[in-house]
Amino acid sequence: IDTAGLRETTCEVEQIGIARTWAAVGKATLALLLIDSREAITPQDE
């Protein structure tokens, strides 16, 4: 399940996508947290 990127946003459409992301997380059995290897783990990833 590919999901919307998680970030703070004021876009109503993107907010709906982020809400669906967390709904998908609640039903998942595994999670892959993708991180940009050029930046390592950021506070947002944490």
PDB file of all heavy atoms in Angstrom:
ATOM      1  N   ILE A   1       0.850  -1.187   0.000  1.00  0.00           N
ATOM      2  CA  ILE A   1       0.000   0.000   0.000  1.00  0.00           C
ATOM      3  C   ILE A   1       0.889   1.241   0.000  1.00  0.00           C
ATOM      4  O   ILE A   1       1.613   1.504   0.976  1.00  0.00           O
ATOM      5  CB  ILE A   1      -0.936   0.027   1.224  1.00  0.00           C
ATOM      6  CG1 ILE A   1      -1.728  -1.282   1.305  1.00  0.00           C
ATOM      7  CG2 ILE A   1      -1.879   1.224   1.161  1.00  0.00           C
ATOM      8  CD1 ILE A   1      -2.430  -1.482   2.620  1.00  0.00           C
ATOM      9  N   ASP A   2       0.869   1.974  -1.107  1.00  0.00           N
ATOM     10  CA  ASP A   2       1.578   3.247  -1.193  1.00  0.00           C
ATOM     11  C   ASP A   2       0.665   4.333  -0.629  1.00  0.00           C
ATOM     12  O   ASP A   2      -0.544   4.326  -0.869  1.00  0.00           O
ATOM     13  CB  ASP A   2       1.935   3.548  -2.650  1.00  0.00           C
ATOM     14  CG  ASP A   2       2.726   4.836  -2.801  1.00  0.00           C
ATOM     15  OD1 ASP A   2       3.330   5.282  -1.810  1.00  0.00           O
ATOM     16  OD2 ASP A   2       2.734   5.392  -3.915  1.00  0.00           O
ATOM     17  N   THR A   3       1.225   5.251   0.125  1.00  0.00           N
ATOM     18  CA  THR A   3       0.407   6.246   0.807  1.00  0.00           C
ATOM     19  C   THR A   3       0.917   7.656   0.536  1.00  0.00           C
ATOM     20  O   THR A   3       2.033   7.860   0.037  1.00  0.00           O
ATOM     21  CB  THR A   3       0.411   6.002   2.334  1.00  0.00           C
ATOM     22  OG1 THR A   3       1.743   6.180   2.832  1.00  0.00           O
ATOM     23  CG2 THR A   3      -0.083   4.615   2.663  1.00  0.00           C
ATOM     24  N   ALA A   4       0.085   8.620   0.891  1.00  0.00           N
ATOM     25  CA  ALA A   4       0.466  10.024   0.770  1.00  0.00           C
ATOM     26  C   ALA A   4       1.611  10.342   1.721  1.00  0.00           C
ATOM     27  O   ALA A   4       1.704   9.789   2.818  1.00  0.00           O
ATOM     28  CB  ALA A   4      -0.738  10.924   1.072  1.00  0.00           C
ATOM     29  N   GLY A   5       2.498  11.251   1.294  1.00  0.00           N
ATOM     30  CA  GLY A   5       3.601  11.670   2.146  1.00  0.00           C
ATOM     31  C   GLY A   5       3.097  12.366   3.401  1.00  0.00           C
ATOM     32  O   GLY A   5       2.112  13.109   3.369  1.00  0.00           O
ATOM     33  N   LEU A   6       3.782  12.101   4.513  1.00  0.00           N
ATOM     34  CA  LEU A   6       3.355  12.648   5.806  1.00  0.00           C
ATOM     35  C   LEU A   6       4.117  13.933   6.102  1.00  0.00           C
ATOM     36  O   LEU A   6       5.350  13.940   6.203  1.00  0.00           O
ATOM     37  CB  LEU A   6       3.608  11.609   6.905  1.00  0.00           C
ATOM     38  CG  LEU A   6       2.842  10.283   6.742  1.00  0.00           C
ATOM     39  CD1 LEU A   6       3.290   9.264   7.778  1.00  0.00           C
ATOM     40  CD2 LEU A   6       1.344  10.518   6.851  1.00  0.00           C
ATOM     41  N   ARG A   7       3.354  15.006   6.221  1.00  0.00           N
ATOM     42  CA  ARG A   7       3.943  16.300   6.553  1.00  0.00           C
ATOM     43  C   ARG A   7       2.833  17.238   7.013  1.00  0.00           C
ATOM     44  O   ARG A   7       1.641  16.957   6.841  1.00  0.00           O
ATOM     45  CB  ARG A   7       4.663  16.906   5.351  1.00  0.00           C
ATOM     46  CG  ARG A   7       3.734  17.253   4.186  1.00  0.00           C
ATOM     47  CD  ARG A   7       4.479  17.941   3.079  1.00  0.00           C
ATOM     48  NE  ARG A   7       3.621  18.191   1.916  1.00  0.00           N
ATOM     49  CZ  ARG A   7       4.040  18.802   0.803  1.00  0.00           C
ATOM     50  NH1 ARG A   7       5.289  19.203   0.718  1.00  0.00           N
ATOM     51  NH2 ARG A   7       3.207  18.984  -0.210  1.00  0.00           N
ATOM     52  N   GLU A   8       3.220  18.352   7.596  1.00  0.00           N
ATOM     53  CA  GLU A   8       2.264  19.382   7.963  1.00  0.00           C
ATOM     54  C   GLU A   8       1.852  20.125   6.699  1.00  0.00           C
ATOM     55  O   GLU A   8       2.704  20.540   5.903  1.00  0.00           O
ATOM     56  CB  GLU A   8       2.887  20.360   8.967  1.00  0.00           C
ATOM     57  CG  GLU A   8       3.213  19.736  10.314  1.00  0.00           C
ATOM     58  CD  GLU A   8       1.966  19.294  11.062  1.00  0.00           C
ATOM     59  OE1 GLU A   8       0.903  19.922  10.859  1.00  0.00           O
ATOM     60  OE2 GLU A   8       2.047  18.335  11.838  1.00  0.00           O
ATOM     61  N   THR A   9       0.557  20.252   6.485  1.00  0.00           N
ATOM     62  CA  THR A   9       0.076  20.910   5.272  1.00  0.00           C
ATOM     63  C   THR A   9      -1.267  21.572   5.534  1.00  0.00           C
ATOM     64  O   THR A   9      -2.035  21.139   6.405  1.00  0.00           O
ATOM     65  CB  THR A   9      -0.068  19.894   4.115  1.00  0.00           C
ATOM     66  OG1 THR A   9      -0.574  20.565   2.955  1.00  0.00           O
ATOM     67  CG2 THR A   9      -1.009  18.769   4.488  1.00  0.00           C
ATOM     68  N   THR A  10      -1.535  22.642   4.780  1.00  0.00           N
ATOM     69  CA  THR A  10      -2.832  23.321   4.865  1.00  0.00           C
ATOM     70  C   THR A  10      -3.737  22.934   3.702  1.00  0.00           C
ATOM     71  O   THR A  10      -4.893  23.347   3.652  1.00  0.00           O
ATOM     72  CB  THR A  10      -2.636  24.848   4.853  1.00  0.00           C
ATOM     73  OG1 THR A  10      -1.931  25.223   3.659  1.00  0.00           O
ATOM     74  CG2 THR A  10      -1.838  25.295   6.079  1.00  0.00           C
ATOM     75  N   CYS A  11      -3.208  22.109   2.766  1.00  0.00           N
ATOM     76  CA  CYS A  11      -4.002  21.669   1.606  1.00  0.00           C
ATOM     77  C   CYS A  11      -5.044  20.643   2.065  1.00  0.00           C
ATOM     78  O   CYS A  11      -4.694  19.591   2.620  1.00  0.00           O
ATOM     79  CB  CYS A  11      -3.095  21.072   0.550  1.00  0.00           C
ATOM     80  SG  CYS A  11      -3.985  20.338  -0.860  1.00  0.00           S
ATOM     81  N   GLU A  12      -6.313  20.947   1.834  1.00  0.00           N
ATOM     82  CA  GLU A  12      -7.387  20.083   2.307  1.00  0.00           C
ATOM     83  C   GLU A  12      -7.322  18.700   1.666  1.00  0.00           C
ATOM     84  O   GLU A  12      -7.512  17.675   2.331  1.00  0.00           O
ATOM     85  CB  GLU A  12      -8.739  20.735   2.017  1.00  0.00           C
ATOM     86  CG  GLU A  12      -9.924  19.929   2.545  1.00  0.00           C
ATOM     87  CD  GLU A  12     -11.253  20.618   2.295  1.00  0.00           C
ATOM     88  OE1 GLU A  12     -11.252  21.749   1.760  1.00  0.00           O
ATOM     89  OE2 GLU A  12     -12.294  20.016   2.628  1.00  0.00           O
ATOM     90  N   VAL A  13      -7.031  18.659   0.355  1.00  0.00           N
ATOM     91  CA  VAL A  13      -6.952  17.375  -0.349  1.00  0.00           C
ATOM     92  C   VAL A  13      -5.809  16.534   0.209  1.00  0.00           C
ATOM     93  O   VAL A  13      -5.946  15.335   0.455  1.00  0.00           O
ATOM     94  CB  VAL A  13      -6.786  17.592  -1.863  1.00  0.00           C
ATOM     95  CG1 VAL A  13      -6.584  16.248  -2.574  1.00  0.00           C
ATOM     96  CG2 VAL A  13      -7.989  18.309  -2.443  1.00  0.00           C
ATOM     97  N   GLU A  14      -4.652  17.160   0.432  1.00  0.00           N
ATOM     98  CA  GLU A  14      -3.503  16.425   0.958  1.00  0.00           C
ATOM     99  C   GLU A  14      -3.771  15.957   2.387  1.00  0.00           C
ATOM    100  O   GLU A  14      -3.338  14.876   2.794  1.00  0.00           O
ATOM    101  CB  GLU A  14      -2.257  17.310   0.908  1.00  0.00           C
ATOM    102  CG  GLU A  14      -0.968  16.524   1.091  1.00  0.00           C
ATOM    103  CD  GLU A  14       0.269  17.355   0.815  1.00  0.00           C
ATOM    104  OE1 GLU A  14       0.139  18.504   0.339  1.00  0.00           O
ATOM    105  OE2 GLU A  14       1.377  16.856   1.088  1.00  0.00           O
ATOM    106  N   GLN A  15      -4.490  16.735   3.161  1.00  0.00           N
ATOM    107  CA  GLN A  15      -4.845  16.338   4.523  1.00  0.00           C
ATOM    108  C   GLN A  15      -5.704  15.077   4.526  1.00  0.00           C
ATOM    109  O   GLN A  15      -5.534  14.197   5.376  1.00  0.00           O
ATOM    110  CB  GLN A  15      -5.577  17.482   5.229  1.00  0.00           C
ATOM    111  CG  GLN A  15      -4.681  18.643   5.620  1.00  0.00           C
ATOM    112  CD  GLN A  15      -5.462  19.786   6.249  1.00  0.00           C
ATOM    113  OE1 GLN A  15      -6.685  19.856   6.119  1.00  0.00           O
ATOM    114  NE2 GLN A  15      -4.766  20.689   6.925  1.00  0.00           N
ATOM    115  N   ILE A  16      -6.624  14.993   3.557  1.00  0.00           N
ATOM    116  CA  ILE A  16      -7.447  13.787   3.450  1.00  0.00           C
ATOM    117  C   ILE A  16      -6.567  12.577   3.128  1.00  0.00           C
ATOM    118  O   ILE A  16      -6.723  11.492   3.697  1.00  0.00           O
ATOM    119  CB  ILE A  16      -8.533  13.973   2.377  1.00  0.00           C
ATOM    120  CG1 ILE A  16      -9.529  15.057   2.812  1.00  0.00           C
ATOM    121  CG2 ILE A  16      -9.268  12.644   2.117  1.00  0.00           C
ATOM    122  CD1 ILE A  16     -10.538  15.420   1.747  1.00  0.00           C
ATOM    123  N   GLY A  17      -5.602  12.782   2.201  1.00  0.00           N
ATOM    124  CA  GLY A  17      -4.684  11.694   1.865  1.00  0.00           C
ATOM    125  C   GLY A  17      -3.859  11.247   3.052  1.00  0.00           C
ATOM    126  O   GLY A  17      -3.631  10.045   3.263  1.00  0.00           O
ATOM    127  N   ILE A  18      -3.411  12.204   3.874  1.00  0.00           N
ATOM    128  CA  ILE A  18      -2.617  11.861   5.060  1.00  0.00           C
ATOM    129  C   ILE A  18      -3.470  11.098   6.072  1.00  0.00           C
ATOM    130  O   ILE A  18      -3.004  10.139   6.707  1.00  0.00           O
ATOM    131  CB  ILE A  18      -2.030  13.148   5.670  1.00  0.00           C
ATOM    132  CG1 ILE A  18      -0.962  13.724   4.728  1.00  0.00           C
ATOM    133  CG2 ILE A  18      -1.441  12.873   7.047  1.00  0.00           C
ATOM    134  CD1 ILE A  18      -0.445  15.091   5.136  1.00  0.00           C
ATOM    135  N   ALA A  19      -4.730  11.497   6.226  1.00  0.00           N
ATOM    136  CA  ALA A  19      -5.630  10.768   7.130  1.00  0.00           C
ATOM    137  C   ALA A  19      -5.810   9.327   6.665  1.00  0.00           C
ATOM    138  O   ALA A  19      -5.844   8.395   7.475  1.00  0.00           O
ATOM    139  CB  ALA A  19      -6.979  11.479   7.201  1.00  0.00           C
ATOM    140  N   ARG A  20      -5.897   9.133   5.351  1.00  0.00           N
ATOM    141  CA  ARG A  20      -6.030   7.767   4.818  1.00  0.00           C
ATOM    142  C   ARG A  20      -4.739   6.976   5.012  1.00  0.00           C
ATOM    143  O   ARG A  20      -4.764   5.748   5.151  1.00  0.00           O
ATOM    144  CB  ARG A  20      -6.421   7.827   3.337  1.00  0.00           C
ATOM    145  CG  ARG A  20      -7.832   8.368   3.122  1.00  0.00           C
ATOM    146  CD  ARG A  20      -8.232   8.342   1.664  1.00  0.00           C
ATOM    147  NE  ARG A  20      -9.619   8.808   1.516  1.00  0.00           N
ATOM    148  CZ  ARG A  20     -10.269   8.861   0.352  1.00  0.00           C
ATOM    149  NH1 ARG A  20      -9.665   8.488  -0.761  1.00  0.00           N
ATOM    150  NH2 ARG A  20     -11.514   9.293   0.318  1.00  0.00           N
ATOM    151  N   THR A  21      -3.604   7.680   4.995  1.00  0.00           N
ATOM    152  CA  THR A  21      -2.338   7.006   5.268  1.00  0.00           C
ATOM    153  C   THR A  21      -2.350   6.380   6.659  1.00  0.00           C
ATOM    154  O   THR A  21      -2.017   5.207   6.843  1.00  0.00           O
ATOM    155  CB  THR A  21      -1.165   7.996   5.167  1.00  0.00           C
ATOM    156  OG1 THR A  21      -1.041   8.447   3.819  1.00  0.00           O
ATOM    157  CG2 THR A  21       0.142   7.338   5.606  1.00  0.00           C
ATOM    158  N   TRP A  22      -2.768   7.161   7.671  1.00  0.00           N
ATOM    159  CA  TRP A  22      -2.792   6.641   9.033  1.00  0.00           C
ATOM    160  C   TRP A  22      -3.842   5.549   9.198  1.00  0.00           C
ATOM    161  O   TRP A  22      -3.655   4.608   9.992  1.00  0.00           O
ATOM    162  CB  TRP A  22      -3.027   7.771  10.027  1.00  0.00           C
ATOM    163  CG  TRP A  22      -1.832   8.673  10.155  1.00  0.00           C
ATOM    164  CD1 TRP A  22      -1.733   9.984   9.815  1.00  0.00           C
ATOM    165  CD2 TRP A  22      -0.538   8.283  10.632  1.00  0.00           C
ATOM    166  NE1 TRP A  22      -0.473  10.456  10.052  1.00  0.00           N
ATOM    167  CE2 TRP A  22       0.286   9.437  10.572  1.00  0.00           C
ATOM    168  CE3 TRP A  22       0.005   7.098  11.116  1.00  0.00           C
ATOM    169  CZ2 TRP A  22       1.622   9.421  10.961  1.00  0.00           C
ATOM    170  CZ3 TRP A  22       1.329   7.083  11.499  1.00  0.00           C
ATOM    171  CH2 TRP A  22       2.131   8.230  11.427  1.00  0.00           C
ATOM    172  N   ALA A  23      -4.928   5.636   8.437  1.00  0.00           N
ATOM    173  CA  ALA A  23      -5.927   4.555   8.473  1.00  0.00           C
ATOM    174  C   ALA A  23      -5.323   3.268   7.924  1.00  0.00           C
ATOM    175  O   ALA A  23      -5.561   2.179   8.459  1.00  0.00           O
ATOM    176  CB  ALA A  23      -7.162   4.961   7.670  1.00  0.00           C
ATOM    177  N   ALA A  24      -4.512   3.381   6.843  1.00  0.00           N
ATOM    178  CA  ALA A  24      -3.855   2.194   6.281  1.00  0.00           C
ATOM    179  C   ALA A  24      -2.829   1.629   7.248  1.00  0.00           C
ATOM    180  O   ALA A  24      -2.675   0.404   7.366  1.00  0.00           O
ATOM    181  CB  ALA A  24      -3.184   2.554   4.947  1.00  0.00           C
ATOM    182  N   VAL A  25      -2.141   2.494   7.972  1.00  0.00           N
ATOM    183  CA  VAL A  25      -1.166   2.041   8.967  1.00  0.00           C
ATOM    184  C   VAL A  25      -1.853   1.202  10.044  1.00  0.00           C
ATOM    185  O   VAL A  25      -1.336   0.178  10.490  1.00  0.00           O
ATOM    186  CB  VAL A  25      -0.447   3.254   9.596  1.00  0.00           C
ATOM    187  CG1 VAL A  25       0.341   2.820  10.838  1.00  0.00           C
ATOM    188  CG2 VAL A  25       0.490   3.903   8.587  1.00  0.00           C
ATOM    189  N   GLY A  26      -3.052   1.632  10.436  1.00  0.00           N
ATOM    190  CA  GLY A  26      -3.777   0.908  11.471  1.00  0.00           C
ATOM    191  C   GLY A  26      -4.185  -0.493  11.078  1.00  0.00           C
ATOM    192  O   GLY A  26      -4.427  -1.342  11.947  1.00  0.00           O
ATOM    193  N   LYS A  27      -4.252  -0.783   9.783  1.00  0.00           N
ATOM    194  CA  LYS A  27      -4.655  -2.108   9.307  1.00  0.00           C
ATOM    195  C   LYS A  27      -3.475  -2.950   8.827  1.00  0.00           C
ATOM    196  O   LYS A  27      -3.661  -4.097   8.430  1.00  0.00           O
ATOM    197  CB  LYS A  27      -5.662  -1.955   8.160  1.00  0.00           C
ATOM    198  CG  LYS A  27      -6.942  -1.224   8.544  1.00  0.00           C
ATOM    199  CD  LYS A  27      -7.846  -1.035   7.334  1.00  0.00           C
ATOM    200  CE  LYS A  27      -9.103  -0.269   7.708  1.00  0.00           C
ATOM    201  NZ  LYS A  27      -9.981  -0.031   6.518  1.00  0.00           N
ATOM    202  N   ALA A  28      -2.281  -2.389   8.840  1.00  0.00           N
ATOM    203  CA  ALA A  28      -1.124  -3.072   8.265  1.00  0.00           C
ATOM    204  C   ALA A  28      -0.536  -4.098   9.219  1.00  0.00           C
ATOM    205  O   ALA A  28      -0.722  -4.023  10.443  1.00  0.00           O
ATOM    206  CB  ALA A  28      -0.060  -2.049   7.879  1.00  0.00           C
ATOM    207  N   THR A  29       0.175  -5.070   8.647  1.00  0.00           N
ATOM    208  CA  THR A  29       0.920  -6.042   9.450  1.00  0.00           C
ATOM    209  C   THR A  29       2.421  -5.748   9.428  1.00  0.00           C
ATOM    210  O   THR A  29       3.159  -6.251  10.260  1.00  0.00           O
ATOM    211  CB  THR A  29       0.682  -7.473   8.942  1.00  0.00           C
ATOM    212  OG1 THR A  29       0.945  -7.528   7.530  1.00  0.00           O
ATOM    213  CG2 THR A  29      -0.752  -7.894   9.187  1.00  0.00           C
ATOM    214  N   LEU A  30       2.868  -4.943   8.463  1.00  0.00           N
ATOM    215  CA  LEU A  30       4.265  -4.521   8.354  1.00  0.00           C
ATOM    216  C   LEU A  30       4.291  -3.079   7.856  1.00  0.00           C
ATOM    217  O   LEU A  30       3.382  -2.652   7.138  1.00  0.00           O
ATOM    218  CB  LEU A  30       5.052  -5.395   7.370  1.00  0.00           C
ATOM    219  CG  LEU A  30       5.270  -6.869   7.681  1.00  0.00           C
ATOM    220  CD1 LEU A  30       5.889  -7.566   6.473  1.00  0.00           C
ATOM    221  CD2 LEU A  30       6.173  -7.025   8.885  1.00  0.00           C
ATOM    222  N   ALA A  31       5.344  -2.362   8.201  1.00  0.00           N
ATOM    223  CA  ALA A  31       5.503  -0.996   7.700  1.00  0.00           C
ATOM    224  C   ALA A  31       6.925  -0.808   7.184  1.00  0.00           C
ATOM    225  O   ALA A  31       7.894  -1.262   7.819  1.00  0.00           O
ATOM    226  CB  ALA A  31       5.193   0.025   8.781  1.00  0.00           C
ATOM    227  N   LEU A  32       7.042  -0.155   6.038  1.00  0.00           N
ATOM    228  CA  LEU A  32       8.336   0.268   5.515  1.00  0.00           C
ATOM    229  C   LEU A  32       8.392   1.785   5.626  1.00  0.00           C
ATOM    230  O   LEU A  32       7.611   2.487   4.976  1.00  0.00           O
ATOM    231  CB  LEU A  32       8.505  -0.159   4.055  1.00  0.00           C
ATOM    232  CG  LEU A  32       8.445  -1.661   3.747  1.00  0.00           C
ATOM    233  CD1 LEU A  32       8.712  -1.905   2.263  1.00  0.00           C
ATOM    234  CD2 LEU A  32       9.440  -2.437   4.592  1.00  0.00           C
ATOM    235  N   LEU A  33       9.284   2.299   6.469  1.00  0.00           N
ATOM    236  CA  LEU A  33       9.472   3.735   6.607  1.00  0.00           C
ATOM    237  C   LEU A  33      10.580   4.150   5.649  1.00  0.00           C
ATOM    238  O   LEU A  33      11.747   3.801   5.844  1.00  0.00           O
ATOM    239  CB  LEU A  33       9.843   4.101   8.040  1.00  0.00           C
ATOM    240  CG  LEU A  33      10.221   5.570   8.268  1.00  0.00           C
ATOM    241  CD1 LEU A  33       9.050   6.492   7.937  1.00  0.00           C
ATOM    242  CD2 LEU A  33      10.701   5.798   9.693  1.00  0.00           C
ATOM    243  N   LEU A  34      10.210   4.872   4.595  1.00  0.00           N
ATOM    244  CA  LEU A  34      11.198   5.301   3.618  1.00  0.00           C
ATOM    245  C   LEU A  34      11.841   6.610   4.056  1.00  0.00           C
ATOM    246  O   LEU A  34      11.147   7.547   4.485  1.00  0.00           O
ATOM    247  CB  LEU A  34      10.560   5.460   2.235  1.00  0.00           C
ATOM    248  CG  LEU A  34      10.693   4.207   1.358  1.00  0.00           C
ATOM    249  CD1 LEU A  34       9.731   3.128   1.823  1.00  0.00           C
ATOM    250  CD2 LEU A  34      10.507   4.526  -0.104  1.00  0.00           C
ATOM    251  N   ILE A  35      13.169   6.646   3.910  1.00  0.00           N
ATOM    252  CA  ILE A  35      13.965   7.786   4.357  1.00  0.00           C
ATOM    253  C   ILE A  35      14.939   8.145   3.240  1.00  0.00           C
ATOM    254  O   ILE A  35      15.511   7.257   2.587  1.00  0.00           O
ATOM    255  CB  ILE A  35      14.734   7.443   5.649  1.00  0.00           C
ATOM    256  CG1 ILE A  35      13.748   7.059   6.764  1.00  0.00           C
ATOM    257  CG2 ILE A  35      15.632   8.593   6.090  1.00  0.00           C
ATOM    258  CD1 ILE A  35      14.409   6.420   7.969  1.00  0.00           C
ATOM    259  N   ASP A  36      15.121   9.420   3.012  1.00  0.00           N
ATOM    260  CA  ASP A  36      16.107   9.878   2.031  1.00  0.00           C
ATOM    261  C   ASP A  36      17.496   9.658   2.617  1.00  0.00           C
ATOM    262  O   ASP A  36      17.864  10.273   3.629  1.00  0.00           O
ATOM    263  CB  ASP A  36      15.880  11.356   1.718  1.00  0.00           C
ATOM    264  CG  ASP A  36      16.699  11.829   0.513  1.00  0.00           C
ATOM    265  OD1 ASP A  36      17.813  11.290   0.304  1.00  0.00           O
ATOM    266  OD2 ASP A  36      16.232  12.737  -0.203  1.00  0.00           O
ATOM    267  N   SER A  37      18.268   8.753   2.011  1.00  0.00           N
ATOM    268  CA  SER A  37      19.569   8.391   2.579  1.00  0.00           C
ATOM    269  C   SER A  37      20.556   9.552   2.572  1.00  0.00           C
ATOM    270  O   SER A  37      21.553   9.522   3.293  1.00  0.00           O
ATOM    271  CB  SER A  37      20.167   7.206   1.814  1.00  0.00           C
ATOM    272  OG  SER A  37      20.309   7.526   0.444  1.00  0.00           O
ATOM    273  N   ARG A  38      20.279  10.591   1.795  1.00  0.00           N
ATOM    274  CA  ARG A  38      21.175  11.750   1.772  1.00  0.00           C
ATOM    275  C   ARG A  38      21.038  12.585   3.041  1.00  0.00           C
ATOM    276  O   ARG A  38      21.949  13.322   3.407  1.00  0.00           O
ATOM    277  CB  ARG A  38      20.875  12.625   0.551  1.00  0.00           C
ATOM    278  CG  ARG A  38      21.143  11.945  -0.792  1.00  0.00           C
ATOM    279  CD  ARG A  38      20.646  12.797  -1.929  1.00  0.00           C
ATOM    280  NE  ARG A  38      19.187  12.991  -1.856  1.00  0.00           N
ATOM    281  CZ  ARG A  38      18.519  13.770  -2.708  1.00  0.00           C
ATOM    282  NH1 ARG A  38      19.159  14.422  -3.665  1.00  0.00           N
ATOM    283  NH2 ARG A  38      17.211  13.879  -2.597  1.00  0.00           N
ATOM    284  N   GLU A  39      19.892  12.465   3.713  1.00  0.00           N
ATOM    285  CA  GLU A  39      19.649  13.294   4.892  1.00  0.00           C
ATOM    286  C   GLU A  39      19.633  12.490   6.189  1.00  0.00           C
ATOM    287  O   GLU A  39      19.523  13.069   7.275  1.00  0.00           O
ATOM    288  CB  GLU A  39      18.309  14.022   4.734  1.00  0.00           C
ATOM    289  CG  GLU A  39      18.239  14.920   3.514  1.00  0.00           C
ATOM    290  CD  GLU A  39      16.900  15.620   3.404  1.00  0.00           C
ATOM    291  OE1 GLU A  39      16.127  15.593   4.396  1.00  0.00           O
ATOM    292  OE2 GLU A  39      16.611  16.181   2.335  1.00  0.00           O
ATOM    293  N   ALA A  40      19.724  11.159   6.083  1.00  0.00           N
ATOM    294  CA  ALA A  40      19.612  10.287   7.266  1.00  0.00           C
ATOM    295  C   ALA A  40      18.265  10.525   7.939  1.00  0.00           C
ATOM    296  O   ALA A  40      17.320  11.000   7.317  1.00  0.00           O
ATOM    297  CB  ALA A  40      20.770  10.503   8.219  1.00  0.00           C
ATOM    298  N   ILE A  41      18.151  10.181   9.213  1.00  0.00           N
ATOM    299  CA  ILE A  41      16.872  10.328   9.910  1.00  0.00           C
ATOM    300  C   ILE A  41      16.715  11.758  10.401  1.00  0.00           C
ATOM    301  O   ILE A  41      17.552  12.263  11.152  1.00  0.00           O
ATOM    302  CB  ILE A  41      16.775   9.343  11.084  1.00  0.00           C
ATOM    303  CG1 ILE A  41      16.798   7.902  10.569  1.00  0.00           C
ATOM    304  CG2 ILE A  41      15.504   9.577  11.890  1.00  0.00           C
ATOM    305  CD1 ILE A  41      16.644   6.854  11.640  1.00  0.00           C
ATOM    306  N   THR A  42      15.633  12.379   9.977  1.00  0.00           N
ATOM    307  CA  THR A  42      15.341  13.754  10.367  1.00  0.00           C
ATOM    308  C   THR A  42      14.358  13.767  11.537  1.00  0.00           C
ATOM    309  O   THR A  42      13.739  12.741  11.853  1.00  0.00           O
ATOM    310  CB  THR A  42      14.734  14.519   9.181  1.00  0.00           C
ATOM    311  OG1 THR A  42      13.448  13.948   8.882  1.00  0.00           O
ATOM    312  CG2 THR A  42      15.628  14.419   7.954  1.00  0.00           C
ATOM    313  N   PRO A  43      14.168  14.901  12.190  1.00  0.00           N
ATOM    314  CA  PRO A  43      13.146  14.993  13.243  1.00  0.00           C
ATOM    315  C   PRO A  43      11.755  14.616  12.741  1.00  0.00           C
ATOM    316  O   PRO A  43      10.955  14.049  13.498  1.00  0.00           O
ATOM    317  CB  PRO A  43      13.221  16.465  13.667  1.00  0.00           C
ATOM    318  CG  PRO A  43      14.623  16.871  13.376  1.00  0.00           C
ATOM    319  CD  PRO A  43      14.994  16.130  12.121  1.00  0.00           C
ATOM    320  N   GLN A  44      11.477  14.913  11.468  1.00  0.00           N
ATOM    321  CA  GLN A  44      10.168  14.537  10.903  1.00  0.00           C
ATOM    322  C   GLN A  44      10.040  13.013  10.811  1.00  0.00           C
ATOM    323  O   GLN A  44       8.967  12.453  11.082  1.00  0.00           O
ATOM    324  CB  GLN A  44      10.003  15.162   9.507  1.00  0.00           C
ATOM    325  CG  GLN A  44       9.840  16.674   9.514  1.00  0.00           C
ATOM    326  CD  GLN A  44      11.169  17.413   9.620  1.00  0.00           C
ATOM    327  OE1 GLN A  44      12.245  16.789   9.606  1.00  0.00           O
ATOM    328  NE2 GLN A  44      11.099  18.729   9.743  1.00  0.00           N
ATOM    329  N   ASP A  45      11.138  12.327  10.445  1.00  0.00           N
ATOM    330  CA  ASP A  45      11.111  10.859  10.412  1.00  0.00           C
ATOM    331  C   ASP A  45      10.922  10.285  11.813  1.00  0.00           C
ATOM    332  O   ASP A  45      10.186   9.311  12.011  1.00  0.00           O
ATOM    333  CB  ASP A  45      12.411  10.313   9.803  1.00  0.00           C
ATOM    334  CG  ASP A  45      12.592  10.719   8.347  1.00  0.00           C
ATOM    335  OD1 ASP A  45      11.587  10.723   7.614  1.00  0.00           O
ATOM    336  OD2 ASP A  45      13.735  11.033   7.959  1.00  0.00           O
ATOM    337  N   GLU A  46      11.599  10.889  12.784  1.00  0.00           N
ATOM    338  CA  GLU A  46      11.453  10.440  14.167  1.00  0.00           C
ATOM    339  C   GLU A  46      10.013  10.607  14.642  1.00  0.00           C
ATOM    340  O   GLU A  46       9.483   9.758  15.376  1.00  0.00           O
ATOM    341  CB  GLU A  46      12.398  11.237  15.080  1.00  0.00           C
ATOM    342  CG  GLU A  46      13.875  10.998  14.821  1.00  0.00           C
ATOM    343  CD  GLU A  46      14.358   9.666  15.365  1.00  0.00           C
ATOM    344  OE1 GLU A  46      13.529   8.917  15.929  1.00  0.00           O
ATOM    345  OE2 GLU A  46      15.562   9.379  15.240  1.00  0.00           O
TER     346      GLU A  46
END
